[in-house]
Amino acid sequence: ERNIADHARALHSNSLLISARPDAASDDLTLQALAADCHPIVPSAGVYPELLPEPLHELCMHDGTAESLAARMIDAWYLDRPRGLEFLRDEILSPFDAIGACKLIDERLDNLAGVAIKRPGRGRLVGVA
């Protein structure tokens, strides 16, 4: 069971998110952590190579070994965060933006509905030839 309020509180009070789920097909907690400005440390397998842009792979991904995970944690604590990370974060999160997704859905529905028009005075839809 998940307590969303506790997760949000934890993400906003920490700077790292560490995942050891190598076969994850999706990971909403990592997306939430990115939105909360946490530095992700994730496996180099599963959804993560697709989720994180290439410039973040070396800094954020581990190969599943204890040594690799520890190295990424030490890097996150001691190295400066790369410049422009906020732009990469925005790029990562933009496909999951609810408002943006709703606008895209509306546009697609408008395009689909464009094959039908409402005849003035009749109140019914007819196909456009």
C-alpha atoms as a PDB file:
ATOM      1  CA  GLU A   1       0.000   0.000   0.000  1.00  0.00           C
ATOM      2  CA  ARG A   2       1.235   3.464  -0.833  1.00  0.00           C
ATOM      3  CA  ASN A   3       0.851   6.594   1.199  1.00  0.00           C
ATOM      4  CA  ILE A   4       1.101   9.413  -1.327  1.00  0.00           C
ATOM      5  CA  ALA A   5       1.460  12.165   1.278  1.00  0.00           C
ATOM      6  CA  ASP A   6       4.381  10.362   2.962  1.00  0.00           C
ATOM      7  CA  HIS A   7       6.064   9.791  -0.411  1.00  0.00           C
ATOM      8  CA  ALA A   8       5.722  13.469  -1.331  1.00  0.00           C
ATOM      9  CA  ARG A   9       7.070  14.549   2.053  1.00  0.00           C
ATOM     10  CA  ALA A  10      10.043  12.198   1.734  1.00  0.00           C
ATOM     11  CA  LEU A  11      10.849  13.326  -1.810  1.00  0.00           C
ATOM     12  CA  HIS A  12      10.762  17.007  -0.889  1.00  0.00           C
ATOM     13  CA  SER A  13      12.984  16.495   2.153  1.00  0.00           C
ATOM     14  CA  ASN A  14      15.670  14.483   0.319  1.00  0.00           C
ATOM     15  CA  SER A  15      17.936  15.106  -2.622  1.00  0.00           C
ATOM     16  CA  LEU A  16      18.410  11.530  -3.887  1.00  0.00           C
ATOM     17  CA  LEU A  17      16.162   8.788  -5.149  1.00  0.00           C
ATOM     18  CA  ILE A  18      17.781   5.377  -5.412  1.00  0.00           C
ATOM     19  CA  SER A  19      16.144   2.560  -7.329  1.00  0.00           C
ATOM     20  CA  ALA A  20      17.374  -1.004  -7.648  1.00  0.00           C
ATOM     21  CA  ARG A  21      14.509  -2.253  -9.860  1.00  0.00           C
ATOM     22  CA  PRO A  22      16.372  -3.448 -12.976  1.00  0.00           C
ATOM     23  CA  ASP A  23      13.306  -4.782 -14.776  1.00  0.00           C
ATOM     24  CA  ALA A  24      10.910  -1.895 -14.155  1.00  0.00           C
ATOM     25  CA  ALA A  25       8.570  -1.315 -17.086  1.00  0.00           C
ATOM     26  CA  SER A  26       7.552   2.043 -15.584  1.00  0.00           C
ATOM     27  CA  ASP A  27       8.382   3.991 -12.443  1.00  0.00           C
ATOM     28  CA  ASP A  28       6.062   6.788 -11.380  1.00  0.00           C
ATOM     29  CA  LEU A  29       8.024   7.323  -8.159  1.00  0.00           C
ATOM     30  CA  THR A  30      11.131   8.243 -10.174  1.00  0.00           C
ATOM     31  CA  LEU A  31       9.054  10.764 -12.139  1.00  0.00           C
ATOM     32  CA  GLN A  32       7.758  12.228  -8.883  1.00  0.00           C
ATOM     33  CA  ALA A  33      11.312  12.402  -7.546  1.00  0.00           C
ATOM     34  CA  LEU A  34      12.471  14.264 -10.652  1.00  0.00           C
ATOM     35  CA  ALA A  35       9.593  16.706 -10.261  1.00  0.00           C
ATOM     36  CA  ALA A  36      10.692  17.223  -6.629  1.00  0.00           C
ATOM     37  CA  ASP A  37      14.239  18.001  -7.878  1.00  0.00           C
ATOM     38  CA  CYS A  38      15.765  14.786  -6.522  1.00  0.00           C
ATOM     39  CA  HIS A  39      18.840  13.326  -8.193  1.00  0.00           C
ATOM     40  CA  PRO A  40      17.869   9.862  -9.493  1.00  0.00           C
ATOM     41  CA  ILE A  41      20.182   6.876  -9.184  1.00  0.00           C
ATOM     42  CA  VAL A  42      18.582   4.114 -11.215  1.00  0.00           C
ATOM     43  CA  PRO A  43      19.543   0.862 -12.969  1.00  0.00           C
ATOM     44  CA  SER A  44      20.848   0.997 -16.527  1.00  0.00           C
ATOM     45  CA  ALA A  45      18.088  -1.439 -17.510  1.00  0.00           C
ATOM     46  CA  GLY A  46      14.313  -1.517 -17.698  1.00  0.00           C
ATOM     47  CA  VAL A  47      12.546   1.761 -18.441  1.00  0.00           C
ATOM     48  CA  TYR A  48      15.354   3.977 -17.159  1.00  0.00           C
ATOM     49  CA  PRO A  49      17.529   4.299 -20.307  1.00  0.00           C
ATOM     50  CA  GLU A  50      14.423   5.529 -22.145  1.00  0.00           C
ATOM     51  CA  LEU A  51      13.219   7.689 -19.265  1.00  0.00           C
ATOM     52  CA  LEU A  52      16.450   9.611 -18.685  1.00  0.00           C
ATOM     53  CA  PRO A  53      18.116  11.543 -21.519  1.00  0.00           C
ATOM     54  CA  GLU A  54      21.532  10.318 -22.640  1.00  0.00           C
ATOM     55  CA  PRO A  55      23.481  13.127 -20.885  1.00  0.00           C
ATOM     56  CA  LEU A  56      22.237  11.824 -17.515  1.00  0.00           C
ATOM     57  CA  HIS A  57      23.075   8.153 -18.031  1.00  0.00           C
ATOM     58  CA  GLU A  58      26.644   8.301 -16.748  1.00  0.00           C
ATOM     59  CA  LEU A  59      25.729  10.379 -13.693  1.00  0.00           C
ATOM     60  CA  CYS A  60      22.493   8.627 -12.764  1.00  0.00           C
ATOM     61  CA  MET A  61      22.681   4.983 -13.829  1.00  0.00           C
ATOM     62  CA  HIS A  62      24.286   2.010 -12.130  1.00  0.00           C
ATOM     63  CA  ASP A  63      24.855  -1.471 -13.535  1.00  0.00           C
ATOM     64  CA  GLY A  64      23.284  -3.291 -10.592  1.00  0.00           C
ATOM     65  CA  THR A  65      26.505  -4.063  -8.747  1.00  0.00           C
ATOM     66  CA  ALA A  66      27.137  -2.712  -5.264  1.00  0.00           C
ATOM     67  CA  GLU A  67      30.274  -0.960  -6.509  1.00  0.00           C
ATOM     68  CA  SER A  68      28.457   0.844  -9.290  1.00  0.00           C
ATOM     69  CA  LEU A  69      25.573   1.876  -7.014  1.00  0.00           C
ATOM     70  CA  ALA A  70      28.003   3.166  -4.363  1.00  0.00           C
ATOM     71  CA  ALA A  71      29.969   5.086  -7.008  1.00  0.00           C
ATOM     72  CA  ARG A  72      26.815   6.843  -8.270  1.00  0.00           C
ATOM     73  CA  MET A  73      25.819   7.716  -4.685  1.00  0.00           C
ATOM     74  CA  ILE A  74      29.256   9.183  -3.946  1.00  0.00           C
ATOM     75  CA  ASP A  75      29.171  11.114  -7.231  1.00  0.00           C
ATOM     76  CA  ALA A  76      25.741  12.541  -6.365  1.00  0.00           C
ATOM     77  CA  TRP A  77      26.951  13.717  -2.965  1.00  0.00           C
ATOM     78  CA  TYR A  78      30.328  15.140  -3.961  1.00  0.00           C
ATOM     79  CA  LEU A  79      30.143  16.260  -7.581  1.00  0.00           C
ATOM     80  CA  ASP A  80      28.428  19.430  -8.717  1.00  0.00           C
ATOM     81  CA  ARG A  81      25.125  18.912 -10.435  1.00  0.00           C
ATOM     82  CA  PRO A  82      25.445  19.344 -14.189  1.00  0.00           C
ATOM     83  CA  ARG A  83      24.370  22.688 -15.589  1.00  0.00           C
ATOM     84  CA  GLY A  84      21.100  22.672 -17.460  1.00  0.00           C
ATOM     85  CA  LEU A  85      19.701  19.810 -15.415  1.00  0.00           C
ATOM     86  CA  GLU A  86      16.427  21.680 -14.986  1.00  0.00           C
ATOM     87  CA  PHE A  87      15.976  21.726 -18.777  1.00  0.00           C
ATOM     88  CA  LEU A  88      16.611  17.998 -18.985  1.00  0.00           C
ATOM     89  CA  ARG A  89      14.176  17.464 -16.115  1.00  0.00           C
ATOM     90  CA  ASP A  90      11.537  19.478 -17.960  1.00  0.00           C
ATOM     91  CA  GLU A  91      12.193  17.385 -21.084  1.00  0.00           C
ATOM     92  CA  ILE A  92      11.762  14.174 -19.083  1.00  0.00           C
ATOM     93  CA  LEU A  93       8.567  15.278 -17.368  1.00  0.00           C
ATOM     94  CA  SER A  94       6.817  17.014 -20.270  1.00  0.00           C
ATOM     95  CA  PRO A  95       5.251  13.820 -21.715  1.00  0.00           C
ATOM     96  CA  PHE A  96       3.681  13.188 -18.292  1.00  0.00           C
ATOM     97  CA  ASP A  97       2.210  16.670 -17.841  1.00  0.00           C
ATOM     98  CA  ALA A  98      -1.533  16.209 -17.363  1.00  0.00           C
ATOM     99  CA  ILE A  99      -2.522  19.610 -18.769  1.00  0.00           C
ATOM    100  CA  GLY A 100      -0.320  19.162 -21.822  1.00  0.00           C
ATOM    101  CA  ALA A 101      -1.655  15.651 -22.352  1.00  0.00           C
ATOM    102  CA  CYS A 102      -5.252  16.910 -22.133  1.00  0.00           C
ATOM    103  CA  LYS A 103      -4.506  19.613 -24.713  1.00  0.00           C
ATOM    104  CA  LEU A 104      -3.013  17.009 -27.074  1.00  0.00           C
ATOM    105  CA  ILE A 105      -6.053  14.769 -26.611  1.00  0.00           C
ATOM    106  CA  ASP A 106      -8.356  17.718 -27.303  1.00  0.00           C
ATOM    107  CA  GLU A 107      -6.419  18.569 -30.464  1.00  0.00           C
ATOM    108  CA  ARG A 108      -6.577  14.979 -31.675  1.00  0.00           C
ATOM    109  CA  LEU A 109     -10.297  14.780 -30.967  1.00  0.00           C
ATOM    110  CA  ASP A 110     -10.829  18.089 -32.794  1.00  0.00           C
ATOM    111  CA  ASN A 111      -8.925  16.682 -35.782  1.00  0.00           C
ATOM    112  CA  LEU A 112     -10.996  13.505 -35.711  1.00  0.00           C
ATOM    113  CA  ALA A 113     -14.220  15.479 -35.368  1.00  0.00           C
ATOM    114  CA  GLY A 114     -13.132  17.630 -38.307  1.00  0.00           C
ATOM    115  CA  VAL A 115     -14.595  15.014 -40.630  1.00  0.00           C
ATOM    116  CA  ALA A 116     -18.060  15.974 -39.411  1.00  0.00           C
ATOM    117  CA  ILE A 117     -19.697  19.406 -39.394  1.00  0.00           C
ATOM    118  CA  LYS A 118     -22.815  20.748 -37.788  1.00  0.00           C
ATOM    119  CA  ARG A 119     -25.365  21.974 -40.324  1.00  0.00           C
ATOM    120  CA  PRO A 120     -26.759  25.356 -39.443  1.00  0.00           C
ATOM    121  CA  GLY A 121     -30.329  25.224 -38.214  1.00  0.00           C
ATOM    122  CA  ARG A 122     -30.582  21.442 -38.226  1.00  0.00           C
ATOM    123  CA  GLY A 123     -28.576  20.530 -35.122  1.00  0.00           C
ATOM    124  CA  ARG A 124     -27.222  17.313 -36.534  1.00  0.00           C
ATOM    125  CA  LEU A 125     -23.853  16.166 -37.747  1.00  0.00           C
ATOM    126  CA  VAL A 126     -23.233  15.170 -41.335  1.00  0.00           C
ATOM    127  CA  GLY A 127     -20.086  13.881 -42.985  1.00  0.00           C
ATOM    128  CA  VAL A 128     -17.961  16.206 -45.071  1.00  0.00           C
ATOM    129  CA  ALA A 129     -17.109  14.953 -48.529  1.00  0.00           C
END
